Amino acid sequence: MTQSPLILTLIGPDRPGLVRILAELVAERGGSWLESRMARLGGQFAGIALIRVPPDEIAALTAALAGLQDQGLRVTMEAGTTEPPGPAQTILHLEVVGHDRPGIVRDFTQALWNCGVNIEELTTDVLSGSFSGEALFRAEARLRAPSPALDVALHVRSALEHLGNELMVDIKAVV
């Protein structure tokens, strides 16, 4: 039976059992949980999930997810696509650490955009420097680029290093 890909976004007060409740609702409707990213941010549970559900179960799942609003969990659902993968592209794994400052995420993402890469996954946080105690910005990203890995990696490194001398950049091509 054909199943429809759906993307769920979730946010609400964090508490034990939220993922279990969601997984149960998906499974009750014959769905599959394909991948997800979930975290506690600012005391809230926040997440995204890609699921597949039989088309005739989408309305029932939508109603069940809307019922979670009474428990403080807001869930939105969007149709995913089943488009075939595009032409081969380079995947890069990027790690950046540097002094935190206002606007660093804006500048960081602008530099990546200027290099023509797409951010497929991004994780950022601010840490306390081990010796100085200063706030350090840290980012890990999975990037997709249409060009050969070496050319793009050099271009991305150069663009990010122009953001500040203290920015450490590590880029690896993912095979």
C-alpha atoms as a PDB file:
ATOM      1  CA  MET A   1       0.000   0.000   0.000  1.00  0.00           C
ATOM      2  CA  THR A   2       1.268   3.456  -0.879  1.00  0.00           C
ATOM      3  CA  GLN A   3       1.960   5.752   2.027  1.00  0.00           C
ATOM      4  CA  SER A   4       2.088   9.535   2.051  1.00  0.00           C
ATOM      5  CA  PRO A   5       5.123  11.324   3.515  1.00  0.00           C
ATOM      6  CA  LEU A   6       4.190  13.902   6.155  1.00  0.00           C
ATOM      7  CA  ILE A   7       6.307  16.367   8.100  1.00  0.00           C
ATOM      8  CA  LEU A   8       5.255  17.111  11.671  1.00  0.00           C
ATOM      9  CA  THR A   9       6.448  20.106  13.662  1.00  0.00           C
ATOM     10  CA  LEU A  10       5.901  20.017  17.415  1.00  0.00           C
ATOM     11  CA  ILE A  11       6.250  22.396  20.330  1.00  0.00           C
ATOM     12  CA  GLY A  12       5.002  22.408  23.885  1.00  0.00           C
ATOM     13  CA  PRO A  13       6.001  22.180  27.539  1.00  0.00           C
ATOM     14  CA  ASP A  14       8.542  19.397  27.963  1.00  0.00           C
ATOM     15  CA  ARG A  15       7.550  16.343  29.970  1.00  0.00           C
ATOM     16  CA  PRO A  16       8.245  12.599  29.882  1.00  0.00           C
ATOM     17  CA  GLY A  17       6.292  10.585  27.328  1.00  0.00           C
ATOM     18  CA  LEU A  18       5.695  13.134  24.557  1.00  0.00           C
ATOM     19  CA  VAL A  19       7.558  11.201  21.878  1.00  0.00           C
ATOM     20  CA  ARG A  20       5.852   7.975  22.974  1.00  0.00           C
ATOM     21  CA  ILE A  21       2.418   9.598  22.578  1.00  0.00           C
ATOM     22  CA  LEU A  22       3.262  10.814  19.086  1.00  0.00           C
ATOM     23  CA  ALA A  23       4.755   7.484  18.021  1.00  0.00           C
ATOM     24  CA  GLU A  24       1.674   5.692  19.310  1.00  0.00           C
ATOM     25  CA  LEU A  25      -0.682   7.919  17.294  1.00  0.00           C
ATOM     26  CA  VAL A  26       1.345   7.318  14.123  1.00  0.00           C
ATOM     27  CA  ALA A  27       1.530   3.541  14.672  1.00  0.00           C
ATOM     28  CA  GLU A  28      -2.221   3.277  15.447  1.00  0.00           C
ATOM     29  CA  ARG A  29      -2.890   4.612  11.952  1.00  0.00           C
ATOM     30  CA  GLY A  30      -0.524   2.196  10.210  1.00  0.00           C
ATOM     31  CA  GLY A  31       2.186   4.807   9.852  1.00  0.00           C
ATOM     32  CA  SER A  32       5.961   4.610   9.962  1.00  0.00           C
ATOM     33  CA  TRP A  33       8.311   6.970  11.783  1.00  0.00           C
ATOM     34  CA  LEU A  34      11.163   7.658   9.328  1.00  0.00           C
ATOM     35  CA  GLU A  35      13.355  10.298  10.955  1.00  0.00           C
ATOM     36  CA  SER A  36      13.193  13.079  13.498  1.00  0.00           C
ATOM     37  CA  ARG A  37      15.086  15.816  15.301  1.00  0.00           C
ATOM     38  CA  MET A  38      13.881  16.707  18.775  1.00  0.00           C
ATOM     39  CA  ALA A  39      15.283  18.759  21.614  1.00  0.00           C
ATOM     40  CA  ARG A  40      14.522  20.659  24.783  1.00  0.00           C
ATOM     41  CA  LEU A  41      14.919  24.370  24.013  1.00  0.00           C
ATOM     42  CA  GLY A  42      14.176  27.072  26.573  1.00  0.00           C
ATOM     43  CA  GLY A  43      12.177  24.629  28.698  1.00  0.00           C
ATOM     44  CA  GLN A  44      10.018  23.617  25.743  1.00  0.00           C
ATOM     45  CA  PHE A  45       9.951  20.392  23.766  1.00  0.00           C
ATOM     46  CA  ALA A  46      10.520  21.180  20.091  1.00  0.00           C
ATOM     47  CA  GLY A  47      10.818  18.785  17.215  1.00  0.00           C
ATOM     48  CA  ILE A  48      10.309  17.820  13.636  1.00  0.00           C
ATOM     49  CA  ALA A  49       9.530  14.359  12.323  1.00  0.00           C
ATOM     50  CA  LEU A  50       9.111  12.735   8.929  1.00  0.00           C
ATOM     51  CA  ILE A  51       6.496  10.004   8.928  1.00  0.00           C
ATOM     52  CA  ARG A  52       4.574   7.972   6.348  1.00  0.00           C
ATOM     53  CA  VAL A  53       0.892   7.185   6.733  1.00  0.00           C
ATOM     54  CA  PRO A  54      -1.632   5.488   4.447  1.00  0.00           C
ATOM     55  CA  PRO A  55      -3.557   8.250   2.606  1.00  0.00           C
ATOM     56  CA  ASP A  56      -6.903   7.104   4.025  1.00  0.00           C
ATOM     57  CA  GLU A  57      -5.545   7.601   7.586  1.00  0.00           C
ATOM     58  CA  ILE A  58      -4.368  11.216   7.195  1.00  0.00           C
ATOM     59  CA  ALA A  59      -7.679  12.772   8.328  1.00  0.00           C
ATOM     60  CA  ALA A  60      -7.812  10.549  11.436  1.00  0.00           C
ATOM     61  CA  LEU A  61      -4.191  11.338  12.281  1.00  0.00           C
ATOM     62  CA  THR A  62      -4.832  15.074  11.817  1.00  0.00           C
ATOM     63  CA  ALA A  63      -7.752  14.893  14.261  1.00  0.00           C
ATOM     64  CA  ALA A  64      -5.736  12.884  16.788  1.00  0.00           C
ATOM     65  CA  LEU A  65      -2.826  15.336  16.626  1.00  0.00           C
ATOM     66  CA  ALA A  66      -5.207  18.288  17.061  1.00  0.00           C
ATOM     67  CA  GLY A  67      -6.386  16.625  20.278  1.00  0.00           C
ATOM     68  CA  LEU A  68      -2.900  17.059  21.732  1.00  0.00           C
ATOM     69  CA  GLN A  69      -3.496  20.825  21.827  1.00  0.00           C
ATOM     70  CA  ASP A  70      -5.515  20.256  25.025  1.00  0.00           C
ATOM     71  CA  GLN A  71      -2.317  18.882  26.587  1.00  0.00           C
ATOM     72  CA  GLY A  72      -0.331  21.945  25.486  1.00  0.00           C
ATOM     73  CA  LEU A  73       1.395  20.298  22.514  1.00  0.00           C
ATOM     74  CA  ARG A  74       0.971  22.145  19.218  1.00  0.00           C
ATOM     75  CA  VAL A  75       1.497  19.954  16.171  1.00  0.00           C
ATOM     76  CA  THR A  76       1.393  21.056  12.551  1.00  0.00           C
ATOM     77  CA  MET A  77       1.475  18.699   9.610  1.00  0.00           C
ATOM     78  CA  GLU A  78       2.600  19.346   6.037  1.00  0.00           C
ATOM     79  CA  ALA A  79       2.720  17.018   3.061  1.00  0.00           C
ATOM     80  CA  GLY A  80       6.211  15.860   2.149  1.00  0.00           C
ATOM     81  CA  THR A  81       7.347  15.014  -1.352  1.00  0.00           C
ATOM     82  CA  THR A  82       8.395  11.805  -2.972  1.00  0.00           C
ATOM     83  CA  GLU A  83      10.456  13.474  -5.667  1.00  0.00           C
ATOM     84  CA  PRO A  84      13.494  11.509  -6.816  1.00  0.00           C
ATOM     85  CA  PRO A  85      16.927  12.744  -5.757  1.00  0.00           C
ATOM     86  CA  GLY A  86      18.485  15.362  -8.022  1.00  0.00           C
ATOM     87  CA  PRO A  87      21.857  15.168  -9.725  1.00  0.00           C
ATOM     88  CA  ALA A  88      24.824  14.077  -7.640  1.00  0.00           C
ATOM     89  CA  GLN A  89      25.998  16.842  -5.355  1.00  0.00           C
ATOM     90  CA  THR A  90      28.737  17.232  -2.795  1.00  0.00           C
ATOM     91  CA  ILE A  91      27.846  16.797   0.873  1.00  0.00           C
ATOM     92  CA  LEU A  92      30.050  18.634   3.359  1.00  0.00           C
ATOM     93  CA  HIS A  93      30.181  18.376   7.147  1.00  0.00           C
ATOM     94  CA  LEU A  94      31.104  21.700   8.719  1.00  0.00           C
ATOM     95  CA  GLU A  95      32.157  22.485  12.282  1.00  0.00           C
ATOM     96  CA  VAL A  96      32.761  26.071  13.411  1.00  0.00           C
ATOM     97  CA  VAL A  97      33.827  27.429  16.811  1.00  0.00           C
ATOM     98  CA  GLY A  98      34.498  31.066  17.608  1.00  0.00           C
ATOM     99  CA  HIS A  99      33.754  33.936  19.961  1.00  0.00           C
ATOM    100  CA  ASP A 100      30.031  34.549  20.219  1.00  0.00           C
ATOM    101  CA  ARG A 101      28.670  37.946  19.243  1.00  0.00           C
ATOM    102  CA  PRO A 102      25.315  39.417  18.217  1.00  0.00           C
ATOM    103  CA  GLY A 103      24.540  38.609  14.581  1.00  0.00           C
ATOM    104  CA  ILE A 104      26.919  35.661  14.252  1.00  0.00           C
ATOM    105  CA  VAL A 105      24.223  33.258  12.987  1.00  0.00           C
ATOM    106  CA  ARG A 106      23.110  35.845  10.422  1.00  0.00           C
ATOM    107  CA  ASP A 107      26.690  36.387   9.242  1.00  0.00           C
ATOM    108  CA  PHE A 108      27.481  32.668   9.272  1.00  0.00           C
ATOM    109  CA  THR A 109      24.435  31.732   7.188  1.00  0.00           C
ATOM    110  CA  GLN A 110      24.996  34.685   4.824  1.00  0.00           C
ATOM    111  CA  ALA A 111      28.531  33.449   4.156  1.00  0.00           C
ATOM    112  CA  LEU A 112      27.214  29.976   3.368  1.00  0.00           C
ATOM    113  CA  TRP A 113      24.522  31.384   1.073  1.00  0.00           C
ATOM    114  CA  ASN A 114      27.141  33.470  -0.744  1.00  0.00           C
ATOM    115  CA  CYS A 115      29.027  30.210  -1.423  1.00  0.00           C
ATOM    116  CA  GLY A 116      25.930  28.675  -3.026  1.00  0.00           C
ATOM    117  CA  VAL A 117      25.545  25.845  -0.520  1.00  0.00           C
ATOM    118  CA  ASN A 118      22.298  24.629   0.970  1.00  0.00           C
ATOM    119  CA  ILE A 119      22.087  24.018   4.729  1.00  0.00           C
ATOM    120  CA  GLU A 120      20.468  20.607   5.115  1.00  0.00           C
ATOM    121  CA  GLU A 121      20.969  20.375   8.853  1.00  0.00           C
ATOM    122  CA  LEU A 122      22.217  22.931  11.373  1.00  0.00           C
ATOM    123  CA  THR A 123      22.888  22.707  15.094  1.00  0.00           C
ATOM    124  CA  THR A 124      24.148  25.715  17.033  1.00  0.00           C
ATOM    125  CA  ASP A 125      24.825  26.469  20.664  1.00  0.00           C
ATOM    126  CA  VAL A 126      26.778  28.799  22.892  1.00  0.00           C
ATOM    127  CA  LEU A 127      29.336  27.299  25.275  1.00  0.00           C
ATOM    128  CA  SER A 128      31.551  28.669  28.011  1.00  0.00           C
ATOM    129  CA  GLY A 129      35.236  28.717  27.018  1.00  0.00           C
ATOM    130  CA  SER A 130      37.178  26.201  29.118  1.00  0.00           C
ATOM    131  CA  PHE A 131      39.963  28.597  30.119  1.00  0.00           C
ATOM    132  CA  SER A 132      38.584  32.081  29.535  1.00  0.00           C
ATOM    133  CA  GLY A 133      34.938  31.538  30.440  1.00  0.00           C
ATOM    134  CA  GLU A 134      34.034  33.624  27.379  1.00  0.00           C
ATOM    135  CA  ALA A 135      30.949  32.695  25.376  1.00  0.00           C
ATOM    136  CA  LEU A 136      31.852  30.554  22.361  1.00  0.00           C
ATOM    137  CA  PHE A 137      29.575  30.057  19.363  1.00  0.00           C
ATOM    138  CA  ARG A 138      29.588  26.498  18.025  1.00  0.00           C
ATOM    139  CA  ALA A 139      27.874  25.249  14.890  1.00  0.00           C
ATOM    140  CA  GLU A 140      27.707  21.929  13.107  1.00  0.00           C
ATOM    141  CA  ALA A 141      26.131  21.774   9.680  1.00  0.00           C
ATOM    142  CA  ARG A 142      25.478  19.349   6.879  1.00  0.00           C
ATOM    143  CA  LEU A 143      25.775  21.240   3.612  1.00  0.00           C
ATOM    144  CA  ARG A 144      24.841  20.299   0.050  1.00  0.00           C
ATOM    145  CA  ALA A 145      26.822  21.922  -2.743  1.00  0.00           C
ATOM    146  CA  PRO A 146      26.521  21.585  -6.520  1.00  0.00           C
ATOM    147  CA  SER A 147      30.281  21.914  -7.103  1.00  0.00           C
ATOM    148  CA  PRO A 148      33.257  19.578  -6.537  1.00  0.00           C
ATOM    149  CA  ALA A 149      34.048  19.139  -2.826  1.00  0.00           C
ATOM    150  CA  LEU A 150      37.518  20.699  -2.806  1.00  0.00           C
ATOM    151  CA  ASP A 151      36.460  23.884  -4.606  1.00  0.00           C
ATOM    152  CA  VAL A 152      33.420  24.419  -2.375  1.00  0.00           C
ATOM    153  CA  ALA A 153      35.263  23.541   0.837  1.00  0.00           C
ATOM    154  CA  LEU A 154      37.986  26.086   0.098  1.00  0.00           C
ATOM    155  CA  HIS A 155      35.419  28.754  -0.803  1.00  0.00           C
ATOM    156  CA  VAL A 156      33.354  28.094   2.356  1.00  0.00           C
ATOM    157  CA  ARG A 157      36.464  28.082   4.589  1.00  0.00           C
ATOM    158  CA  SER A 158      37.650  31.390   3.138  1.00  0.00           C
ATOM    159  CA  ALA A 159      34.223  33.015   3.505  1.00  0.00           C
ATOM    160  CA  LEU A 160      33.865  31.895   7.138  1.00  0.00           C
ATOM    161  CA  GLU A 161      37.388  32.861   8.116  1.00  0.00           C
ATOM    162  CA  HIS A 162      36.640  36.398   6.907  1.00  0.00           C
ATOM    163  CA  LEU A 163      34.000  36.617   9.654  1.00  0.00           C
ATOM    164  CA  GLY A 164      36.746  36.788  12.259  1.00  0.00           C
ATOM    165  CA  ASN A 165      40.300  35.691  12.896  1.00  0.00           C
ATOM    166  CA  GLU A 166      39.223  33.763  15.981  1.00  0.00           C
ATOM    167  CA  LEU A 167      36.822  31.508  14.034  1.00  0.00           C
ATOM    168  CA  MET A 168      38.051  27.903  13.757  1.00  0.00           C
ATOM    169  CA  VAL A 169      36.606  26.091  10.733  1.00  0.00           C
ATOM    170  CA  ASP A 170      36.725  22.348  10.008  1.00  0.00           C
ATOM    171  CA  ILE A 171      35.172  21.069   6.760  1.00  0.00           C
ATOM    172  CA  LYS A 172      35.005  17.448   5.605  1.00  0.00           C
ATOM    173  CA  ALA A 173      33.509  15.988   2.445  1.00  0.00           C
ATOM    174  CA  VAL A 174      31.063  13.205   3.276  1.00  0.00           C
ATOM    175  CA  VAL A 175      31.387  10.201   1.001  1.00  0.00           C
END
